[in-house]
Amino acid sequence: MNTKKVPLFVMLLAGAVACIVTYLDHYSLHDMLVVLLIVLILFLIIGLVIKKVFDKFEISDDKRVDDEGEVLEKQDGDAEGDGGEEIPENVITEEEQPLQQ
């Protein structure tokens, strides 16, 4: 999962809410900017913590973990074990051939 932008979105959302609330409460411009700066710094830290939590639980695609916690290497081919053989599109299989009498 790409978690690079999580702190940015958390910060942007919190900043927007802070701007709207301080505007509706008729704060002065100086007070509004101070509140916005504090909110952005606080929610940047919160966003970084959320990103670290997401990154901690992320398992890479190259390795899988089985039920016992052992790491299994990624296998080539399908998970069904058909050997990874693919049938070309222009070949007619036995099921598609018309019945001959």
N, C-alpha and C. Protein backbone atom coordinates (compact mmCIF):
# COMPACT_ATOMS: atom_id res chain seq x y z
N MET A 1 0.85 -1.16 0.00
CA MET A 1 0.00 0.00 0.00
C MET A 1 0.90 1.23 0.00
N ASN A 2 0.52 2.22 -0.77
CA ASN A 2 1.28 3.45 -0.84
C ASN A 2 0.79 4.40 0.25
N THR A 3 1.60 4.57 1.28
CA THR A 3 1.20 5.40 2.42
C THR A 3 1.95 6.72 2.47
N LYS A 4 2.60 7.06 1.38
CA LYS A 4 3.42 8.27 1.36
C LYS A 4 2.58 9.54 1.55
N LYS A 5 1.36 9.55 1.05
CA LYS A 5 0.54 10.76 1.06
C LYS A 5 -0.41 10.84 2.25
N VAL A 6 -0.41 9.87 3.14
CA VAL A 6 -1.34 9.87 4.28
C VAL A 6 -1.14 11.10 5.18
N PRO A 7 0.09 11.44 5.59
CA PRO A 7 0.24 12.63 6.45
C PRO A 7 -0.22 13.92 5.76
N LEU A 8 -0.03 13.99 4.46
CA LEU A 8 -0.44 15.19 3.73
C LEU A 8 -1.96 15.35 3.73
N PHE A 9 -2.68 14.26 3.50
CA PHE A 9 -4.14 14.33 3.48
C PHE A 9 -4.70 14.61 4.87
N VAL A 10 -4.12 14.02 5.90
CA VAL A 10 -4.57 14.27 7.27
C VAL A 10 -4.36 15.74 7.62
N MET A 11 -3.19 16.27 7.26
CA MET A 11 -2.87 17.66 7.53
C MET A 11 -3.79 18.61 6.77
N LEU A 12 -4.03 18.31 5.50
CA LEU A 12 -4.88 19.17 4.67
C LEU A 12 -6.31 19.20 5.18
N LEU A 13 -6.84 18.04 5.55
CA LEU A 13 -8.20 17.98 6.06
C LEU A 13 -8.33 18.74 7.38
N ALA A 14 -7.37 18.55 8.28
CA ALA A 14 -7.41 19.24 9.57
C ALA A 14 -7.26 20.75 9.38
N GLY A 15 -6.40 21.15 8.45
CA GLY A 15 -6.23 22.58 8.19
C GLY A 15 -7.49 23.22 7.64
N ALA A 16 -8.16 22.51 6.74
CA ALA A 16 -9.41 23.02 6.19
C ALA A 16 -10.48 23.17 7.27
N VAL A 17 -10.59 22.17 8.12
CA VAL A 17 -11.58 22.24 9.21
C VAL A 17 -11.23 23.38 10.16
N ALA A 18 -9.95 23.54 10.47
CA ALA A 18 -9.54 24.62 11.38
C ALA A 18 -9.84 26.00 10.78
N CYS A 19 -9.59 26.15 9.49
CA CYS A 19 -9.88 27.43 8.83
C CYS A 19 -11.38 27.74 8.86
N ILE A 20 -12.18 26.75 8.57
CA ILE A 20 -13.63 26.96 8.54
C ILE A 20 -14.16 27.30 9.94
N VAL A 21 -13.71 26.57 10.94
CA VAL A 21 -14.19 26.79 12.31
C VAL A 21 -13.76 28.16 12.82
N THR A 22 -12.49 28.52 12.58
CA THR A 22 -12.03 29.83 13.07
C THR A 22 -12.70 30.98 12.32
N TYR A 23 -13.02 30.79 11.05
CA TYR A 23 -13.72 31.82 10.29
C TYR A 23 -15.15 32.00 10.80
N LEU A 24 -15.83 30.87 11.06
CA LEU A 24 -17.21 30.95 11.54
C LEU A 24 -17.30 31.52 12.95
N ASP A 25 -16.24 31.35 13.75
CA ASP A 25 -16.22 31.89 15.11
C ASP A 25 -15.67 33.32 15.16
N HIS A 26 -15.42 33.91 13.99
CA HIS A 26 -14.98 35.31 13.86
C HIS A 26 -13.67 35.59 14.60
N TYR A 27 -12.68 34.71 14.44
CA TYR A 27 -11.35 34.95 14.99
C TYR A 27 -10.68 36.06 14.19
N SER A 28 -9.75 36.75 14.81
CA SER A 28 -8.96 37.73 14.07
C SER A 28 -7.98 36.98 13.16
N LEU A 29 -7.45 37.68 12.17
CA LEU A 29 -6.56 37.03 11.22
C LEU A 29 -5.32 36.47 11.90
N HIS A 30 -4.77 37.22 12.84
CA HIS A 30 -3.57 36.75 13.56
C HIS A 30 -3.87 35.47 14.34
N ASP A 31 -4.98 35.46 15.06
CA ASP A 31 -5.35 34.28 15.84
C ASP A 31 -5.65 33.09 14.93
N MET A 32 -6.28 33.37 13.79
CA MET A 32 -6.61 32.31 12.84
C MET A 32 -5.34 31.64 12.31
N LEU A 33 -4.32 32.44 12.00
CA LEU A 33 -3.07 31.89 11.48
C LEU A 33 -2.31 31.11 12.54
N VAL A 34 -2.35 31.56 13.79
CA VAL A 34 -1.68 30.85 14.88
C VAL A 34 -2.35 29.48 15.08
N VAL A 35 -3.68 29.48 15.11
CA VAL A 35 -4.42 28.22 15.27
C VAL A 35 -4.13 27.28 14.11
N LEU A 36 -4.10 27.82 12.88
CA LEU A 36 -3.82 27.01 11.71
C LEU A 36 -2.42 26.40 11.77
N LEU A 37 -1.43 27.17 12.17
CA LEU A 37 -0.06 26.65 12.28
C LEU A 37 0.03 25.53 13.31
N ILE A 38 -0.59 25.73 14.45
CA ILE A 38 -0.57 24.70 15.50
C ILE A 38 -1.28 23.44 15.03
N VAL A 39 -2.43 23.59 14.37
CA VAL A 39 -3.20 22.44 13.88
C VAL A 39 -2.40 21.68 12.82
N LEU A 40 -1.76 22.39 11.91
CA LEU A 40 -0.99 21.72 10.85
C LEU A 40 0.18 20.93 11.42
N ILE A 41 0.89 21.50 12.38
CA ILE A 41 2.02 20.79 12.99
C ILE A 41 1.52 19.57 13.77
N LEU A 42 0.46 19.75 14.54
CA LEU A 42 -0.09 18.65 15.34
C LEU A 42 -0.56 17.50 14.44
N PHE A 43 -1.30 17.84 13.38
CA PHE A 43 -1.83 16.78 12.53
C PHE A 43 -0.79 16.21 11.57
N LEU A 44 0.31 16.91 11.34
CA LEU A 44 1.43 16.30 10.62
C LEU A 44 2.02 15.17 11.45
N ILE A 45 2.18 15.41 12.73
CA ILE A 45 2.70 14.37 13.62
C ILE A 45 1.73 13.20 13.70
N ILE A 46 0.44 13.48 13.82
CA ILE A 46 -0.57 12.41 13.86
C ILE A 46 -0.57 11.62 12.55
N GLY A 47 -0.44 12.31 11.42
CA GLY A 47 -0.39 11.63 10.12
C GLY A 47 0.83 10.75 9.98
N LEU A 48 1.97 11.19 10.50
CA LEU A 48 3.18 10.36 10.45
C LEU A 48 3.04 9.11 11.32
N VAL A 49 2.37 9.25 12.46
CA VAL A 49 2.13 8.07 13.31
C VAL A 49 1.21 7.08 12.59
N ILE A 50 0.16 7.59 11.94
CA ILE A 50 -0.76 6.71 11.20
C ILE A 50 -0.01 6.01 10.07
N LYS A 51 0.88 6.74 9.38
CA LYS A 51 1.66 6.15 8.29
C LYS A 51 2.56 5.03 8.81
N LYS A 52 3.21 5.24 9.95
CA LYS A 52 4.06 4.21 10.54
C LYS A 52 3.26 2.97 10.90
N VAL A 53 2.05 3.15 11.42
CA VAL A 53 1.20 2.01 11.77
C VAL A 53 0.82 1.23 10.51
N PHE A 54 0.45 1.95 9.45
CA PHE A 54 0.10 1.29 8.18
C PHE A 54 1.31 0.54 7.61
N ASP A 55 2.49 1.16 7.68
CA ASP A 55 3.69 0.53 7.14
C ASP A 55 4.10 -0.70 7.96
N LYS A 56 3.81 -0.69 9.24
CA LYS A 56 4.19 -1.80 10.10
C LYS A 56 3.42 -3.07 9.74
N PHE A 57 2.16 -2.92 9.35
CA PHE A 57 1.33 -4.07 9.05
C PHE A 57 1.36 -4.47 7.58
N GLU A 58 2.10 -3.76 6.77
CA GLU A 58 2.17 -4.06 5.35
C GLU A 58 3.11 -5.25 5.11
N ILE A 59 2.65 -6.21 4.33
CA ILE A 59 3.46 -7.36 3.94
C ILE A 59 3.79 -7.20 2.47
N SER A 60 5.05 -7.38 2.14
CA SER A 60 5.45 -7.18 0.75
C SER A 60 4.86 -8.27 -0.13
N ASP A 61 4.75 -7.97 -1.44
CA ASP A 61 4.18 -8.91 -2.39
C ASP A 61 5.14 -10.05 -2.72
N ASP A 62 6.43 -9.87 -2.48
CA ASP A 62 7.42 -10.89 -2.84
C ASP A 62 7.38 -12.09 -1.90
N LYS A 63 6.95 -11.90 -0.70
CA LYS A 63 6.94 -13.00 0.27
C LYS A 63 5.56 -13.11 0.90
N ARG A 64 5.15 -14.33 1.17
CA ARG A 64 3.88 -14.58 1.84
C ARG A 64 4.17 -15.31 3.15
N VAL A 65 3.28 -15.12 4.11
CA VAL A 65 3.44 -15.77 5.40
C VAL A 65 2.32 -16.79 5.55
N ASP A 66 2.69 -18.05 5.90
CA ASP A 66 1.66 -19.06 6.08
C ASP A 66 1.09 -18.98 7.49
N ASP A 67 0.22 -19.94 7.84
CA ASP A 67 -0.47 -19.91 9.13
C ASP A 67 0.47 -20.02 10.32
N GLU A 68 1.60 -20.68 10.15
CA GLU A 68 2.54 -20.87 11.25
C GLU A 68 3.54 -19.74 11.37
N GLY A 69 3.44 -18.74 10.51
CA GLY A 69 4.32 -17.60 10.57
C GLY A 69 5.58 -17.75 9.75
N GLU A 70 5.72 -18.83 8.99
CA GLU A 70 6.90 -19.02 8.16
C GLU A 70 6.73 -18.28 6.84
N VAL A 71 7.81 -17.74 6.35
CA VAL A 71 7.76 -16.96 5.12
C VAL A 71 7.86 -17.91 3.94
N LEU A 72 6.92 -17.78 3.00
CA LEU A 72 6.93 -18.57 1.79
C LEU A 72 7.34 -17.66 0.64
N GLU A 73 8.20 -18.15 -0.23
CA GLU A 73 8.61 -17.38 -1.39
C GLU A 73 7.47 -17.31 -2.39
N LYS A 74 7.43 -16.25 -3.15
CA LYS A 74 6.41 -16.09 -4.18
C LYS A 74 6.66 -17.11 -5.27
N GLN A 75 5.58 -17.82 -5.67
CA GLN A 75 5.70 -18.84 -6.69
C GLN A 75 5.29 -18.29 -8.03
N ASP A 76 5.97 -18.77 -9.09
CA ASP A 76 5.58 -18.38 -10.43
C ASP A 76 4.39 -19.20 -10.85
N GLY A 77 3.51 -18.63 -11.69
CA GLY A 77 2.34 -19.36 -12.17
C GLY A 77 1.14 -19.13 -11.29
N ASP A 78 0.10 -19.88 -11.54
CA ASP A 78 -1.15 -19.73 -10.80
C ASP A 78 -1.06 -20.41 -9.45
N ALA A 79 -1.93 -20.01 -8.56
CA ALA A 79 -1.99 -20.60 -7.23
C ALA A 79 -2.62 -21.99 -7.27
N GLU A 80 -3.34 -22.32 -8.36
CA GLU A 80 -4.00 -23.60 -8.44
C GLU A 80 -3.03 -24.73 -8.78
N GLY A 81 -1.84 -24.39 -9.19
CA GLY A 81 -0.84 -25.41 -9.46
C GLY A 81 -0.99 -26.08 -10.80
N ASP A 82 -1.43 -25.37 -11.82
CA ASP A 82 -1.59 -25.98 -13.12
C ASP A 82 -0.30 -25.92 -13.94
N GLY A 83 0.78 -25.53 -13.31
CA GLY A 83 2.05 -25.51 -13.99
C GLY A 83 2.28 -24.23 -14.77
N GLY A 84 1.36 -23.30 -14.71
CA GLY A 84 1.53 -22.03 -15.38
C GLY A 84 1.39 -22.12 -16.89
N GLU A 85 0.85 -23.21 -17.42
CA GLU A 85 0.70 -23.35 -18.86
C GLU A 85 -0.51 -22.55 -19.32
N GLU A 86 -0.32 -21.81 -20.37
CA GLU A 86 -1.41 -21.03 -20.92
C GLU A 86 -1.72 -21.54 -22.31
N ILE A 87 -2.98 -21.50 -22.67
CA ILE A 87 -3.43 -21.95 -23.98
C ILE A 87 -3.53 -20.73 -24.88
N PRO A 88 -2.89 -20.74 -26.04
CA PRO A 88 -3.03 -19.60 -26.95
C PRO A 88 -4.49 -19.42 -27.36
N GLU A 89 -4.83 -18.19 -27.73
CA GLU A 89 -6.22 -17.87 -28.04
C GLU A 89 -6.72 -18.56 -29.31
N ASN A 90 -5.85 -18.82 -30.28
CA ASN A 90 -6.30 -19.38 -31.55
C ASN A 90 -6.40 -20.90 -31.54
N VAL A 91 -6.10 -21.56 -30.44
CA VAL A 91 -6.19 -23.01 -30.35
C VAL A 91 -7.56 -23.39 -29.80
N ILE A 92 -8.21 -24.35 -30.44
CA ILE A 92 -9.53 -24.82 -30.01
C ILE A 92 -9.32 -26.00 -29.07
N THR A 93 -9.90 -25.90 -27.88
CA THR A 93 -9.77 -26.98 -26.91
C THR A 93 -10.81 -28.05 -27.19
N GLU A 94 -10.72 -29.17 -26.48
CA GLU A 94 -11.63 -30.30 -26.71
C GLU A 94 -13.07 -29.92 -26.39
N GLU A 95 -13.28 -29.06 -25.39
CA GLU A 95 -14.64 -28.68 -25.03
C GLU A 95 -15.28 -27.80 -26.10
N GLU A 96 -14.48 -27.04 -26.85
CA GLU A 96 -15.01 -26.12 -27.83
C GLU A 96 -15.24 -26.76 -29.20
N GLN A 97 -14.68 -27.95 -29.43
CA GLN A 97 -14.83 -28.59 -30.74
C GLN A 97 -16.26 -29.09 -30.92
N PRO A 98 -16.81 -28.94 -32.12
CA PRO A 98 -18.17 -29.44 -32.36
C PRO A 98 -18.19 -30.98 -32.35
N LEU A 99 -19.30 -31.50 -31.95
CA LEU A 99 -19.44 -32.96 -31.92
C LEU A 99 -19.42 -33.53 -33.33
N GLN A 100 -18.62 -34.57 -33.51
CA GLN A 100 -18.54 -35.22 -34.84
C GLN A 100 -19.35 -36.51 -34.80
N GLN A 101 -20.10 -36.75 -35.84
CA GLN A 101 -20.93 -37.94 -35.87
C GLN A 101 -20.43 -38.95 -36.87
